[in-house]
PDB file of N, CA and C in Angstrom:
ATOM      1  N   MET A   1     149.041 104.255  31.844  1.00  0.00           N
ATOM      2  CA  MET A   1     148.525 104.640  33.166  1.00  0.00           C
ATOM      3  C   MET A   1     149.871 105.531  33.758  1.00  0.00           C
ATOM      4  N   HIS A   2     149.326 106.701  33.866  1.00  0.00           N
ATOM      5  CA  HIS A   2     150.428 107.695  34.510  1.00  0.00           C
ATOM      6  C   HIS A   2     150.109 107.735  35.840  1.00  0.00           C
ATOM      7  N   MET A   3     151.340 107.631  36.550  1.00  0.00           N
ATOM      8  CA  MET A   3     151.403 107.654  38.228  1.00  0.00           C
ATOM      9  C   MET A   3     152.675 108.260  38.519  1.00  0.00           C
ATOM     10  N   THR A   4     152.574 109.050  39.676  1.00  0.00           N
ATOM     11  CA  THR A   4     153.828 109.531  40.162  1.00  0.00           C
ATOM     12  C   THR A   4     153.837 109.066  41.747  1.00  0.00           C
ATOM     13  N   ALA A   5     155.064 109.071  42.152  1.00  0.00           N
ATOM     14  CA  ALA A   5     155.449 108.633  43.769  1.00  0.00           C
ATOM     15  C   ALA A   5     156.247 109.750  44.282  1.00  0.00           C
ATOM     16  N   SER A   6     155.964 109.973  45.467  1.00  0.00           N
ATOM     17  CA  SER A   6     156.979 110.768  46.407  1.00  0.00           C
ATOM     18  C   SER A   6     156.918 110.099  47.745  1.00  0.00           C
ATOM     19  N   GLU A   7     158.044 110.756  48.402  1.00  0.00           N
ATOM     20  CA  GLU A   7     158.179 110.383  49.912  1.00  0.00           C
ATOM     21  C   GLU A   7     157.768 111.650  50.553  1.00  0.00           C
ATOM     22  N   ALA A   8     156.909 111.449  51.866  1.00  0.00           N
ATOM     23  CA  ALA A   8     156.565 112.289  52.525  1.00  0.00           C
ATOM     24  C   ALA A   8     156.108 111.860  53.999  1.00  0.00           C
ATOM     25  N   GLU A   9     156.960 112.556  54.787  1.00  0.00           N
ATOM     26  CA  GLU A   9     157.021 112.223  56.308  1.00  0.00           C
ATOM     27  C   GLU A   9     156.686 110.566  56.725  1.00  0.00           C
ATOM     28  N   GLY A  10     157.631 109.840  56.038  1.00  0.00           N
ATOM     29  CA  GLY A  10     157.937 108.598  56.128  1.00  0.00           C
ATOM     30  C   GLY A  10     156.844 107.631  55.394  1.00  0.00           C
ATOM     31  N   ALA A  11     156.053 108.321  54.563  1.00  0.00           N
ATOM     32  CA  ALA A  11     155.164 107.444  53.773  1.00  0.00           C
ATOM     33  C   ALA A  11     155.551 107.663  52.281  1.00  0.00           C
ATOM     34  N   LEU A  12     155.052 106.597  51.358  1.00  0.00           N
ATOM     35  CA  LEU A  12     155.274 106.814  49.987  1.00  0.00           C
ATOM     36  C   LEU A  12     153.649 107.242  49.581  1.00  0.00           C
ATOM     37  N   VAL A  13     153.650 108.445  48.877  1.00  0.00           N
ATOM     38  CA  VAL A  13     152.432 108.852  48.304  1.00  0.00           C
ATOM     39  C   VAL A  13     152.427 108.719  46.693  1.00  0.00           C
ATOM     40  N   VAL A  14     151.451 107.621  46.219  1.00  0.00           N
ATOM     41  CA  VAL A  14     151.444 107.427  44.906  1.00  0.00           C
ATOM     42  C   VAL A  14     150.065 108.234  44.406  1.00  0.00           C
ATOM     43  N   THR A  15     150.382 109.042  43.391  1.00  0.00           N
ATOM     44  CA  THR A  15     149.180 109.701  42.742  1.00  0.00           C
ATOM     45  C   THR A  15     148.926 109.156  41.474  1.00  0.00           C
ATOM     46  N   VAL A  16     147.642 108.813  41.255  1.00  0.00           N
ATOM     47  CA  VAL A  16     147.214 108.621  39.984  1.00  0.00           C
ATOM     48  C   VAL A  16     146.791 109.625  39.311  1.00  0.00           C
ATOM     49  N   MET A  17     147.324 109.959  38.054  1.00  0.00           N
ATOM     50  CA  MET A  17     147.291 111.118  37.191  1.00  0.00           C
ATOM     51  C   MET A  17     146.035 110.670  36.327  1.00  0.00           C
ATOM     52  N   ASP A  18     145.480 109.501  35.960  1.00  0.00           N
ATOM     53  CA  ASP A  18     144.631 109.154  35.014  1.00  0.00           C
ATOM     54  C   ASP A  18     143.122 109.498  35.580  1.00  0.00           C
ATOM     55  N   ARG A  19     142.225 109.789  34.849  1.00  0.00           N
ATOM     56  CA  ARG A  19     140.865 109.901  35.495  1.00  0.00           C
ATOM     57  C   ARG A  19     140.216 108.696  35.474  1.00  0.00           C
ATOM     58  N   ARG A  20     140.533 107.782  35.122  1.00  0.00           N
ATOM     59  CA  ARG A  20     139.725 106.209  35.062  1.00  0.00           C
ATOM     60  C   ARG A  20     140.674 105.287  35.546  1.00  0.00           C
ATOM     61  N   ILE A  21     140.064 104.426  36.710  1.00  0.00           N
ATOM     62  CA  ILE A  21     140.626 103.111  36.757  1.00  0.00           C
ATOM     63  C   ILE A  21     139.531 102.239  36.344  1.00  0.00           C
ATOM     64  N   ASP A  22     139.690 101.588  35.228  1.00  0.00           N
ATOM     65  CA  ASP A  22     138.793 100.626  34.953  1.00  0.00           C
ATOM     66  C   ASP A  22     139.211  99.422  34.217  1.00  0.00           C
ATOM     67  N   ALA A  23     138.389  98.785  33.627  1.00  0.00           N
ATOM     68  CA  ALA A  23     138.827  97.400  33.104  1.00  0.00           C
ATOM     69  C   ALA A  23     139.980  97.734  31.918  1.00  0.00           C
ATOM     70  N   ALA A  24     139.834  98.577  31.309  1.00  0.00           N
ATOM     71  CA  ALA A  24     141.000  98.844  30.251  1.00  0.00           C
ATOM     72  C   ALA A  24     142.297  99.098  31.067  1.00  0.00           C
ATOM     73  N   VAL A  25     142.367  99.524  31.980  1.00  0.00           N
ATOM     74  CA  VAL A  25     143.757 100.031  32.690  1.00  0.00           C
ATOM     75  C   VAL A  25     143.953  99.416  34.037  1.00  0.00           C
ATOM     76  N   ALA A  26     143.010  98.392  34.455  1.00  0.00           N
ATOM     77  CA  ALA A  26     143.092  97.844  35.977  1.00  0.00           C
ATOM     78  C   ALA A  26     144.512  96.956  35.879  1.00  0.00           C
ATOM     79  N   VAL A  27     144.747  96.320  34.935  1.00  0.00           N
ATOM     80  CA  VAL A  27     145.948  95.486  35.027  1.00  0.00           C
ATOM     81  C   VAL A  27     147.450  96.344  35.154  1.00  0.00           C
ATOM     82  N   ARG A  28     147.207  97.242  34.352  1.00  0.00           N
ATOM     83  CA  ARG A  28     148.315  98.236  34.214  1.00  0.00           C
ATOM     84  C   ARG A  28     148.566  98.921  35.651  1.00  0.00           C
ATOM     85  N   PHE A  29     147.384  99.316  36.171  1.00  0.00           N
ATOM     86  CA  PHE A  29     147.564  99.958  37.455  1.00  0.00           C
ATOM     87  C   PHE A  29     148.098  99.052  38.390  1.00  0.00           C
ATOM     88  N   LYS A  30     147.617  97.991  38.514  1.00  0.00           N
ATOM     89  CA  LYS A  30     148.212  96.925  39.558  1.00  0.00           C
ATOM     90  C   LYS A  30     149.718  96.740  39.300  1.00  0.00           C
ATOM     91  N   ASP A  31     150.134  96.416  37.912  1.00  0.00           N
ATOM     92  CA  ASP A  31     151.579  96.307  37.834  1.00  0.00           C
ATOM     93  C   ASP A  31     152.368  97.466  38.142  1.00  0.00           C
ATOM     94  N   LYS A  32     151.905  98.745  37.881  1.00  0.00           N
ATOM     95  CA  LYS A  32     152.481  99.938  38.201  1.00  0.00           C
ATOM     96  C   LYS A  32     152.717 100.256  39.596  1.00  0.00           C
ATOM     97  N   MET A  33     151.399  99.872  40.392  1.00  0.00           N
ATOM     98  CA  MET A  33     151.806  99.831  41.903  1.00  0.00           C
ATOM     99  C   MET A  33     152.778  98.809  42.586  1.00  0.00           C
ATOM    100  N   GLN A  34     152.526  97.737  41.945  1.00  0.00           N
ATOM    101  CA  GLN A  34     153.633  96.775  42.386  1.00  0.00           C
ATOM    102  C   GLN A  34     155.022  97.163  42.034  1.00  0.00           C
ATOM    103  N   GLU A  35     155.284  97.793  40.982  1.00  0.00           N
ATOM    104  CA  GLU A  35     156.564  98.296  40.501  1.00  0.00           C
ATOM    105  C   GLU A  35     156.787  99.543  41.546  1.00  0.00           C
ATOM    106  N   MET A  36     155.930 100.501  41.876  1.00  0.00           N
ATOM    107  CA  MET A  36     156.277 101.758  42.562  1.00  0.00           C
ATOM    108  C   MET A  36     156.432 101.231  43.982  1.00  0.00           C
ATOM    109  N   THR A  37     155.606 100.354  44.640  1.00  0.00           N
ATOM    110  CA  THR A  37     155.845 100.058  45.905  1.00  0.00           C
ATOM    111  C   THR A  37     156.703  98.858  46.347  1.00  0.00           C
ATOM    112  N   GLY A  38     157.304  98.480  45.508  1.00  0.00           N
ATOM    113  CA  GLY A  38     158.210  97.067  45.732  1.00  0.00           C
ATOM    114  C   GLY A  38     159.052  97.206  46.859  1.00  0.00           C
ATOM    115  N   GLN A  39     159.876  98.218  47.117  1.00  0.00           N
ATOM    116  CA  GLN A  39     160.574  98.358  48.210  1.00  0.00           C
ATOM    117  C   GLN A  39     160.391  99.552  49.263  1.00  0.00           C
ATOM    118  N   SER A  40     159.131 100.018  49.175  1.00  0.00           N
ATOM    119  CA  SER A  40     158.704 101.237  49.752  1.00  0.00           C
ATOM    120  C   SER A  40     158.677 101.107  51.254  1.00  0.00           C
ATOM    121  N   GLN A  41     158.310 102.351  51.818  1.00  0.00           N
ATOM    122  CA  GLN A  41     157.930 102.332  53.261  1.00  0.00           C
ATOM    123  C   GLN A  41     156.922 101.399  53.686  1.00  0.00           C
ATOM    124  N   GLU A  42     156.760 101.211  55.030  1.00  0.00           N
ATOM    125  CA  GLU A  42     155.685 100.511  55.612  1.00  0.00           C
ATOM    126  C   GLU A  42     154.214 100.995  55.201  1.00  0.00           C
ATOM    127  N   ARG A  43     154.065 102.359  54.833  1.00  0.00           N
ATOM    128  CA  ARG A  43     152.869 103.100  54.575  1.00  0.00           C
ATOM    129  C   ARG A  43     152.878 103.570  53.180  1.00  0.00           C
ATOM    130  N   VAL A  44     151.746 103.293  52.577  1.00  0.00           N
ATOM    131  CA  VAL A  44     151.753 103.725  51.185  1.00  0.00           C
ATOM    132  C   VAL A  44     150.287 104.453  50.956  1.00  0.00           C
ATOM    133  N   ILE A  45     150.272 105.906  50.922  1.00  0.00           N
ATOM    134  CA  ILE A  45     149.009 106.558  50.621  1.00  0.00           C
ATOM    135  C   ILE A  45     148.799 106.751  49.085  1.00  0.00           C
ATOM    136  N   LEU A  46     147.636 106.113  48.632  1.00  0.00           N
ATOM    137  CA  LEU A  46     147.072 106.313  47.167  1.00  0.00           C
ATOM    138  C   LEU A  46     146.290 107.606  46.985  1.00  0.00           C
ATOM    139  N   ASP A  47     146.722 108.424  46.492  1.00  0.00           N
ATOM    140  CA  ASP A  47     146.107 109.792  46.061  1.00  0.00           C
ATOM    141  C   ASP A  47     145.117 109.715  44.731  1.00  0.00           C
ATOM    142  N   LEU A  48     143.796 109.589  45.176  1.00  0.00           N
ATOM    143  CA  LEU A  48     142.884 109.259  44.000  1.00  0.00           C
ATOM    144  C   LEU A  48     142.261 110.424  43.668  1.00  0.00           C
ATOM    145  N   GLY A  49     142.833 111.858  43.781  1.00  0.00           N
ATOM    146  CA  GLY A  49     142.062 112.933  43.649  1.00  0.00           C
ATOM    147  C   GLY A  49     141.846 113.384  42.225  1.00  0.00           C
ATOM    148  N   GLN A  50     142.500 112.718  41.275  1.00  0.00           N
ATOM    149  CA  GLN A  50     142.155 112.950  39.858  1.00  0.00           C
ATOM    150  C   GLN A  50     141.332 111.953  39.150  1.00  0.00           C
ATOM    151  N   VAL A  51     141.074 110.835  39.863  1.00  0.00           N
ATOM    152  CA  VAL A  51     140.284 109.722  39.173  1.00  0.00           C
ATOM    153  C   VAL A  51     138.746 110.035  39.607  1.00  0.00           C
ATOM    154  N   GLU A  52     138.065 110.045  38.346  1.00  0.00           N
ATOM    155  CA  GLU A  52     136.858 110.371  38.267  1.00  0.00           C
ATOM    156  C   GLU A  52     135.734 109.251  37.994  1.00  0.00           C
ATOM    157  N   PHE A  53     136.504 108.123  37.813  1.00  0.00           N
ATOM    158  CA  PHE A  53     135.580 106.756  37.458  1.00  0.00           C
ATOM    159  C   PHE A  53     136.477 105.596  37.942  1.00  0.00           C
ATOM    160  N   LEU A  54     135.772 104.818  38.717  1.00  0.00           N
ATOM    161  CA  LEU A  54     136.445 103.627  38.935  1.00  0.00           C
ATOM    162  C   LEU A  54     135.274 102.454  38.983  1.00  0.00           C
ATOM    163  N   ASP A  55     135.679 101.370  38.244  1.00  0.00           N
ATOM    164  CA  ASP A  55     134.639 100.470  38.089  1.00  0.00           C
ATOM    165  C   ASP A  55     135.009  99.204  38.999  1.00  0.00           C
ATOM    166  N   SER A  56     134.224  98.119  38.824  1.00  0.00           N
ATOM    167  CA  SER A  56     134.791  96.891  39.684  1.00  0.00           C
ATOM    168  C   SER A  56     136.122  96.259  39.475  1.00  0.00           C
ATOM    169  N   SER A  57     136.592  96.476  38.172  1.00  0.00           N
ATOM    170  CA  SER A  57     137.983  95.923  37.884  1.00  0.00           C
ATOM    171  C   SER A  57     138.950  96.998  38.683  1.00  0.00           C
ATOM    172  N   GLY A  58     138.745  98.304  38.729  1.00  0.00           N
ATOM    173  CA  GLY A  58     139.578  99.215  39.246  1.00  0.00           C
ATOM    174  C   GLY A  58     139.629  98.891  40.784  1.00  0.00           C
ATOM    175  N   LEU A  59     138.579  98.827  41.254  1.00  0.00           N
ATOM    176  CA  LEU A  59     138.319  98.454  42.790  1.00  0.00           C
ATOM    177  C   LEU A  59     139.103  97.359  43.073  1.00  0.00           C
ATOM    178  N   GLY A  60     139.026  96.085  42.205  1.00  0.00           N
ATOM    179  CA  GLY A  60     139.908  94.952  42.321  1.00  0.00           C
ATOM    180  C   GLY A  60     141.277  95.187  42.253  1.00  0.00           C
ATOM    181  N   ALA A  61     141.645  96.010  41.312  1.00  0.00           N
ATOM    182  CA  ALA A  61     143.082  96.314  41.302  1.00  0.00           C
ATOM    183  C   ALA A  61     143.591  97.162  42.415  1.00  0.00           C
ATOM    184  N   VAL A  62     142.866  97.912  43.139  1.00  0.00           N
ATOM    185  CA  VAL A  62     143.314  98.741  44.404  1.00  0.00           C
ATOM    186  C   VAL A  62     143.200  97.540  45.561  1.00  0.00           C
ATOM    187  N   VAL A  63     142.440  96.683  45.748  1.00  0.00           N
ATOM    188  CA  VAL A  63     142.395  95.656  46.642  1.00  0.00           C
ATOM    189  C   VAL A  63     143.744  94.698  46.411  1.00  0.00           C
ATOM    190  N   GLY A  64     144.032  94.561  45.075  1.00  0.00           N
ATOM    191  CA  GLY A  64     145.255  93.626  44.737  1.00  0.00           C
ATOM    192  C   GLY A  64     146.543  94.397  45.166  1.00  0.00           C
ATOM    193  N   ALA A  65     146.654  95.620  44.813  1.00  0.00           N
ATOM    194  CA  ALA A  65     147.603  96.417  45.485  1.00  0.00           C
ATOM    195  C   ALA A  65     147.848  96.555  46.869  1.00  0.00           C
ATOM    196  N   MET A  66     146.804  96.392  47.620  1.00  0.00           N
ATOM    197  CA  MET A  66     146.702  96.298  49.074  1.00  0.00           C
ATOM    198  C   MET A  66     147.306  94.929  49.476  1.00  0.00           C
ATOM    199  N   LYS A  67     146.888  93.847  48.894  1.00  0.00           N
ATOM    200  CA  LYS A  67     147.177  92.500  49.078  1.00  0.00           C
ATOM    201  C   LYS A  67     148.646  92.411  48.893  1.00  0.00           C
ATOM    202  N   HIS A  68     149.315  92.978  47.808  1.00  0.00           N
ATOM    203  CA  HIS A  68     150.789  92.878  47.351  1.00  0.00           C
ATOM    204  C   HIS A  68     151.683  93.649  48.562  1.00  0.00           C
ATOM    205  N   LEU A  69     151.353  94.548  49.182  1.00  0.00           N
ATOM    206  CA  LEU A  69     151.739  94.896  50.351  1.00  0.00           C
ATOM    207  C   LEU A  69     152.102  94.232  51.288  1.00  0.00           C
ATOM    208  N   GLY A  70     151.002  93.006  51.591  1.00  0.00           N
ATOM    209  CA  GLY A  70     151.460  92.188  52.824  1.00  0.00           C
ATOM    210  C   GLY A  70     150.828  92.771  54.016  1.00  0.00           C
ATOM    211  N   ARG A  71     150.881  91.978  55.059  1.00  0.00           N
ATOM    212  CA  ARG A  71     150.300  92.352  56.249  1.00  0.00           C
ATOM    213  C   ARG A  71     151.400  93.358  56.907  1.00  0.00           C
ATOM    214  N   SER A  72     152.503  93.549  56.687  1.00  0.00           N
ATOM    215  CA  SER A  72     153.513  94.326  57.203  1.00  0.00           C
ATOM    216  C   SER A  72     153.448  95.839  56.795  1.00  0.00           C
ATOM    217  N   ARG A  73     152.754  96.013  55.731  1.00  0.00           N
ATOM    218  CA  ARG A  73     152.609  97.428  55.213  1.00  0.00           C
ATOM    219  C   ARG A  73     151.240  97.796  55.011  1.00  0.00           C
ATOM    220  N   ARG A  74     150.867  98.892  54.972  1.00  0.00           N
ATOM    221  CA  ARG A  74     149.390  99.649  54.932  1.00  0.00           C
ATOM    222  C   ARG A  74     149.243 100.432  53.623  1.00  0.00           C
ATOM    223  N   LEU A  75     147.984 100.197  53.050  1.00  0.00           N
ATOM    224  CA  LEU A  75     147.605 101.048  52.004  1.00  0.00           C
ATOM    225  C   LEU A  75     146.591 101.892  52.658  1.00  0.00           C
ATOM    226  N   ASP A  76     146.618 103.194  52.592  1.00  0.00           N
ATOM    227  CA  ASP A  76     145.646 104.084  52.820  1.00  0.00           C
ATOM    228  C   ASP A  76     145.218 104.946  51.590  1.00  0.00           C
ATOM    229  N   LEU A  77     144.024 105.374  51.525  1.00  0.00           N
ATOM    230  CA  LEU A  77     143.511 106.107  50.348  1.00  0.00           C
ATOM    231  C   LEU A  77     143.121 107.734  50.923  1.00  0.00           C
ATOM    232  N   ALA A  78     143.253 108.565  49.816  1.00  0.00           N
ATOM    233  CA  ALA A  78     143.004 109.812  49.914  1.00  0.00           C
ATOM    234  C   ALA A  78     142.755 110.490  48.848  1.00  0.00           C
ATOM    235  N   ASN A  79     141.892 111.618  49.243  1.00  0.00           N
ATOM    236  CA  ASN A  79     141.622 112.678  48.264  1.00  0.00           C
ATOM    237  C   ASN A  79     140.664 112.320  47.179  1.00  0.00           C
ATOM    238  N   MET A  80     139.847 111.433  47.702  1.00  0.00           N
ATOM    239  CA  MET A  80     138.701 110.844  46.648  1.00  0.00           C
ATOM    240  C   MET A  80     137.722 111.870  46.087  1.00  0.00           C
ATOM    241  N   THR A  81     137.431 111.820  44.713  1.00  0.00           N
ATOM    242  CA  THR A  81     136.395 112.550  44.394  1.00  0.00           C
ATOM    243  C   THR A  81     135.098 111.733  44.960  1.00  0.00           C
ATOM    244  N   PRO A  82     133.955 112.420  45.037  1.00  0.00           N
ATOM    245  CA  PRO A  82     132.776 111.827  45.659  1.00  0.00           C
ATOM    246  C   PRO A  82     132.232 110.711  44.808  1.00  0.00           C
ATOM    247  N   THR A  83     132.359 110.652  43.450  1.00  0.00           N
ATOM    248  CA  THR A  83     132.019 109.445  42.641  1.00  0.00           C
ATOM    249  C   THR A  83     132.607 108.222  43.142  1.00  0.00           C
ATOM    250  N   VAL A  84     134.136 108.446  43.233  1.00  0.00           N
ATOM    251  CA  VAL A  84     134.811 107.103  43.556  1.00  0.00           C
ATOM    252  C   VAL A  84     134.703 106.910  44.962  1.00  0.00           C
ATOM    253  N   GLU A  85     134.589 107.899  45.891  1.00  0.00           N
ATOM    254  CA  GLU A  85     134.325 107.436  47.333  1.00  0.00           C
ATOM    255  C   GLU A  85     132.782 106.706  47.391  1.00  0.00           C
ATOM    256  N   LYS A  86     132.161 106.913  46.721  1.00  0.00           N
ATOM    257  CA  LYS A  86     130.615 106.379  46.678  1.00  0.00           C
ATOM    258  C   LYS A  86     130.917 104.783  46.444  1.00  0.00           C
ATOM    259  N   VAL A  87     131.929 104.603  45.472  1.00  0.00           N
ATOM    260  CA  VAL A  87     132.024 103.261  44.933  1.00  0.00           C
ATOM    261  C   VAL A  87     132.489 102.387  46.266  1.00  0.00           C
ATOM    262  N   PHE A  88     133.481 102.939  46.971  1.00  0.00           N
ATOM    263  CA  PHE A  88     134.054 102.432  48.315  1.00  0.00           C
ATOM    264  C   PHE A  88     132.989 102.289  49.021  1.00  0.00           C
ATOM    265  N   ARG A  89     132.059 103.169  49.330  1.00  0.00           N
ATOM    266  CA  ARG A  89     131.131 103.054  50.546  1.00  0.00           C
ATOM    267  C   ARG A  89     129.985 102.134  50.146  1.00  0.00           C
ATOM    268  N   ILE A  90     129.630 102.174  48.740  1.00  0.00           N
ATOM    269  CA  ILE A  90     128.685 101.102  48.288  1.00  0.00           C
ATOM    270  C   ILE A  90     129.196  99.604  48.647  1.00  0.00           C
ATOM    271  N   THR A  91     130.442  99.315  48.246  1.00  0.00           N
ATOM    272  CA  THR A  91     130.915  98.113  48.337  1.00  0.00           C
ATOM    273  C   THR A  91     131.486  97.799  49.732  1.00  0.00           C
ATOM    274  N   ARG A  92     131.242  98.587  50.454  1.00  0.00           N
ATOM    275  CA  ARG A  92     131.752  98.561  51.900  1.00  0.00           C
ATOM    276  C   ARG A  92     133.319  98.315  52.080  1.00  0.00           C
ATOM    277  N   MET A  93     133.957  98.740  51.003  1.00  0.00           N
ATOM    278  CA  MET A  93     135.431  98.633  51.181  1.00  0.00           C
ATOM    279  C   MET A  93     135.964  99.894  52.129  1.00  0.00           C
ATOM    280  N   ASP A  94     135.053 100.581  52.364  1.00  0.00           N
ATOM    281  CA  ASP A  94     135.500 101.795  53.138  1.00  0.00           C
ATOM    282  C   ASP A  94     135.675 101.308  54.642  1.00  0.00           C
ATOM    283  N   ARG A  95     135.314 100.015  54.952  1.00  0.00           N
ATOM    284  CA  ARG A  95     135.690  99.393  56.133  1.00  0.00           C
ATOM    285  C   ARG A  95     137.015  98.728  56.024  1.00  0.00           C
ATOM    286  N   VAL A  96     137.428  98.472  54.720  1.00  0.00           N
ATOM    287  CA  VAL A  96     138.786  97.670  54.623  1.00  0.00           C
ATOM    288  C   VAL A  96     139.759  98.708  54.531  1.00  0.00           C
ATOM    289  N   PHE A  97     139.592  99.731  54.043  1.00  0.00           N
ATOM    290  CA  PHE A  97     140.646 100.819  53.989  1.00  0.00           C
ATOM    291  C   PHE A  97     140.480 102.096  54.665  1.00  0.00           C
ATOM    292  N   ARG A  98     141.525 102.619  55.104  1.00  0.00           N
ATOM    293  CA  ARG A  98     141.394 103.811  55.855  1.00  0.00           C
ATOM    294  C   ARG A  98     141.439 104.973  54.771  1.00  0.00           C
ATOM    295  N   ILE A  99     140.331 105.862  54.960  1.00  0.00           N
ATOM    296  CA  ILE A  99     140.058 106.936  53.666  1.00  0.00           C
ATOM    297  C   ILE A  99     140.309 108.169  54.276  1.00  0.00           C
ATOM    298  N   PHE A 100     140.867 109.197  53.689  1.00  0.00           N
ATOM    299  CA  PHE A 100     141.184 110.370  54.325  1.00  0.00           C
ATOM    300  C   PHE A 100     140.659 111.344  53.285  1.00  0.00           C
ATOM    301  N   PRO A 101     140.203 112.493  53.709  1.00  0.00           N
ATOM    302  CA  PRO A 101     139.605 113.646  52.601  1.00  0.00           C
ATOM    303  C   PRO A 101     140.834 114.373  52.003  1.00  0.00           C
ATOM    304  N   SER A 102     142.073 114.250  52.524  1.00  0.00           N
ATOM    305  CA  SER A 102     143.038 114.942  51.826  1.00  0.00           C
ATOM    306  C   SER A 102     144.483 114.126  52.185  1.00  0.00           C
ATOM    307  N   ILE A 103     145.459 114.383  51.424  1.00  0.00           N
ATOM    308  CA  ILE A 103     146.782 113.827  51.583  1.00  0.00           C
ATOM    309  C   ILE A 103     147.351 114.417  52.820  1.00  0.00           C
ATOM    310  N   GLU A 104     147.244 115.603  53.277  1.00  0.00           N
ATOM    311  CA  GLU A 104     147.503 116.184  54.514  1.00  0.00           C
ATOM    312  C   GLU A 104     146.955 115.300  55.790  1.00  0.00           C
ATOM    313  N   ASP A 105     145.634 115.175  55.742  1.00  0.00           N
ATOM    314  CA  ASP A 105     144.849 114.570  56.606  1.00  0.00           C
ATOM    315  C   ASP A 105     145.598 113.017  56.703  1.00  0.00           C
ATOM    316  N   ALA A 106     145.816 112.434  55.611  1.00  0.00           N
ATOM    317  CA  ALA A 106     146.362 111.069  55.700  1.00  0.00           C
ATOM    318  C   ALA A 106     147.861 111.071  56.433  1.00  0.00           C
ATOM    319  N   LEU A 107     148.790 112.111  56.161  1.00  0.00           N
ATOM    320  CA  LEU A 107     149.990 112.055  56.564  1.00  0.00           C
ATOM    321  C   LEU A 107     149.922 112.376  58.091  1.00  0.00           C
ATOM    322  N   GLU A 108     148.827 113.047  58.660  1.00  0.00           N
ATOM    323  CA  GLU A 108     148.961 113.484  59.818  1.00  0.00           C
ATOM    324  C   GLU A 108     148.289 112.440  60.744  1.00  0.00           C
ATOM    325  N   ALA A 109     147.694 111.556  60.298  1.00  0.00           N
ATOM    326  CA  ALA A 109     147.112 110.202  60.859  1.00  0.00           C
ATOM    327  C   ALA A 109     148.300 109.278  61.367  1.00  0.00           C
ATOM    328  N   ALA A 110     148.172 108.485  62.376  1.00  0.00           N
ATOM    329  CA  ALA A 110     149.045 107.635  62.865  1.00  0.00           C
ATOM    330  C   ALA A 110     148.962 106.441  62.062  1.00  0.00           C
ATOM    331  N   VAL A 111     150.234 105.403  61.797  1.00  0.00           N
ATOM    332  CA  VAL A 111     150.251 104.678  60.876  1.00  0.00           C
ATOM    333  C   VAL A 111     149.516 103.304  61.378  1.00  0.00           C
ATOM    334  N   ASP A 112     149.549 103.098  62.833  1.00  0.00           N
ATOM    335  CA  ASP A 112     148.713 101.976  63.334  1.00  0.00           C
ATOM    336  C   ASP A 112     147.441 102.407  63.911  1.00  0.00           C
ATOM    337  N   ALA A 113     146.780 103.621  63.519  1.00  0.00           N
ATOM    338  CA  ALA A 113     145.621 104.087  64.195  1.00  0.00           C
ATOM    339  C   ALA A 113     144.534 103.314  63.560  1.00  0.00           C
TER     340      ALA A 113
END
């Protein structure tokens, strides 16, 4: 699982470089997110722009990453491909996460909005 992290405007932006988050990599994704966000800012933005496929295991791993952050920190999602965005819409997880069309839009949004 290849992911990168960078700080931008008070947020940690984690970019998933793999094309899939599925059962084969879900545990590695979750572990990598925990490692990368361990002592991060109060806001993490997950860039899913390269992810073309996300199954229920992948969705569970994203939810697990959010839970790992706890109530004091926030996980926002950005830059989703239409296929991945559809998974969040169908499962109604678009009501749980704030989803932004781009990283720029996510960075411009207020943390507690």
